[in-house]
């Protein structure tokens, strides 16, 4: 089974990830959030392996434009998941899921295997 790479195609961090994986000869399946919205089940599976605070991309413009009340909704799983599904650009990129079920968040070459 190949790696699964989740993200948004037109993102500089994703482009770095694709280039890195290609250079290393690593096979992967790319799942584009813009073509296939993340589901509650998918996000819940991520949250079984990482913290909600780590999954939310607080560096992006979508997050920065939010009102404080909306930002506080991103701190609780039950209110955060619907927001992340509708605003998938707010999910840290990339999320890489490995064949053993583990995952990494963001482009950190030393962590990608």
Protein backbone atom coordinates (compact mmCIF):
# COMPACT_ATOMS: atom_id res chain seq x y z
CA UNK A 1 0.00 0.00 0.00
CA UNK A 2 1.31 3.44 -0.95
CA UNK A 3 1.31 6.53 1.21
CA UNK A 4 -1.85 8.61 1.19
CA UNK A 5 -1.21 12.32 0.92
CA UNK A 6 -4.10 14.65 1.79
CA UNK A 7 -4.16 18.33 0.93
CA UNK A 8 -4.87 20.93 -1.72
CA UNK A 9 -3.09 20.69 -5.06
CA UNK A 10 -2.42 24.40 -5.55
CA UNK A 11 -0.50 24.92 -2.33
CA UNK A 12 3.23 25.67 -2.14
CA UNK A 13 3.73 23.27 0.76
CA UNK A 14 2.00 20.52 -1.19
CA UNK A 15 4.18 21.21 -4.24
CA UNK A 16 7.29 20.83 -2.04
CA UNK A 17 5.87 17.56 -0.72
CA UNK A 18 5.13 16.21 -4.22
CA UNK A 19 8.63 17.16 -5.41
CA UNK A 20 10.24 15.56 -2.36
CA UNK A 21 8.28 12.31 -2.73
CA UNK A 22 9.04 12.16 -6.46
CA UNK A 23 12.77 12.76 -5.87
CA UNK A 24 12.80 9.94 -3.30
CA UNK A 25 10.85 7.63 -5.61
CA UNK A 26 8.06 7.20 -3.05
CA UNK A 27 4.73 5.97 -4.42
CA UNK A 28 1.72 7.85 -3.08
CA UNK A 29 -1.95 8.45 -3.64
CA UNK A 30 -3.01 12.10 -3.52
CA UNK A 31 -6.42 13.02 -2.15
CA UNK A 32 -7.34 16.62 -2.98
CA UNK A 33 -9.72 18.19 -0.46
CA UNK A 34 -11.09 20.48 -3.17
CA UNK A 35 -12.24 17.48 -5.23
CA UNK A 36 -13.13 15.17 -2.36
CA UNK A 37 -14.26 16.94 0.81
CA UNK A 38 -12.90 15.45 4.00
CA UNK A 39 -15.48 13.47 5.96
CA UNK A 40 -16.15 13.30 9.68
CA UNK A 41 -14.80 9.74 9.58
CA UNK A 42 -11.56 10.80 7.90
CA UNK A 43 -10.95 13.70 10.28
CA UNK A 44 -11.80 11.51 13.26
CA UNK A 45 -9.26 8.95 12.08
CA UNK A 46 -6.64 11.73 11.94
CA UNK A 47 -7.60 12.83 15.46
CA UNK A 48 -7.02 9.31 16.77
CA UNK A 49 -3.33 9.94 15.98
CA UNK A 50 -2.86 13.68 16.50
CA UNK A 51 -4.25 16.59 18.47
CA UNK A 52 -6.95 18.86 17.10
CA UNK A 53 -4.71 21.88 17.73
CA UNK A 54 -2.05 20.29 15.50
CA UNK A 55 -4.51 19.50 12.72
CA UNK A 56 -5.85 23.05 12.42
CA UNK A 57 -3.79 25.32 10.17
CA UNK A 58 -3.60 28.57 12.11
CA UNK A 59 -1.12 30.15 9.69
CA UNK A 60 -3.48 30.45 6.73
CA UNK A 61 -5.60 33.41 5.69
CA UNK A 62 -8.88 31.55 6.27
CA UNK A 63 -8.08 31.15 9.96
CA UNK A 64 -6.71 34.66 10.32
CA UNK A 65 -9.90 36.17 8.88
CA UNK A 66 -12.15 34.32 11.33
CA UNK A 67 -13.82 36.03 14.25
CA UNK A 68 -12.67 35.03 17.72
CA UNK A 69 -15.90 33.10 18.38
CA UNK A 70 -15.28 30.97 15.28
CA UNK A 71 -11.67 30.41 16.31
CA UNK A 72 -12.81 29.16 19.71
CA UNK A 73 -15.11 26.67 17.93
CA UNK A 74 -11.96 25.15 16.45
CA UNK A 75 -10.80 24.13 19.92
CA UNK A 76 -13.51 21.48 20.44
CA UNK A 77 -13.81 18.46 18.17
CA UNK A 78 -17.61 18.51 17.93
CA UNK A 79 -17.66 22.13 16.67
CA UNK A 80 -14.37 22.01 14.78
CA UNK A 81 -15.12 19.10 12.43
CA UNK A 82 -17.97 20.80 10.51
CA UNK A 83 -15.79 23.91 10.09
CA UNK A 84 -12.85 21.87 8.81
CA UNK A 85 -15.06 19.95 6.39
CA UNK A 86 -16.43 23.17 4.89
CA UNK A 87 -13.09 25.00 5.01
CA UNK A 88 -10.62 22.26 4.16
CA UNK A 89 -7.87 24.82 3.59
CA UNK A 90 -7.82 25.10 7.38
CA UNK A 91 -6.45 21.56 7.71
CA UNK A 92 -2.67 21.45 8.11
CA UNK A 93 -1.01 20.36 4.87
CA UNK A 94 -0.02 17.81 3.98
CA UNK A 95 -1.47 15.06 6.10
CA UNK A 96 0.50 11.95 5.15
CA UNK A 97 -0.89 8.58 6.20
CA UNK A 98 1.56 5.69 6.09
CA UNK A 99 0.77 2.03 5.39
CA UNK A 100 1.09 1.24 9.11
CA UNK A 101 -1.64 3.82 9.89
CA UNK A 102 0.67 6.43 11.41
CA UNK A 103 0.61 9.98 10.08
CA UNK A 104 2.63 13.15 9.84
CA UNK A 105 1.42 16.72 9.53
CA UNK A 106 3.10 19.37 7.40
CA UNK A 107 6.13 19.18 5.17
CA UNK A 108 8.93 18.00 7.45
CA UNK A 109 11.34 16.02 5.23
CA UNK A 110 13.00 14.26 8.19
CA UNK A 111 9.63 12.83 9.26
CA UNK A 112 8.55 11.63 5.82
CA UNK A 113 9.57 8.05 5.14
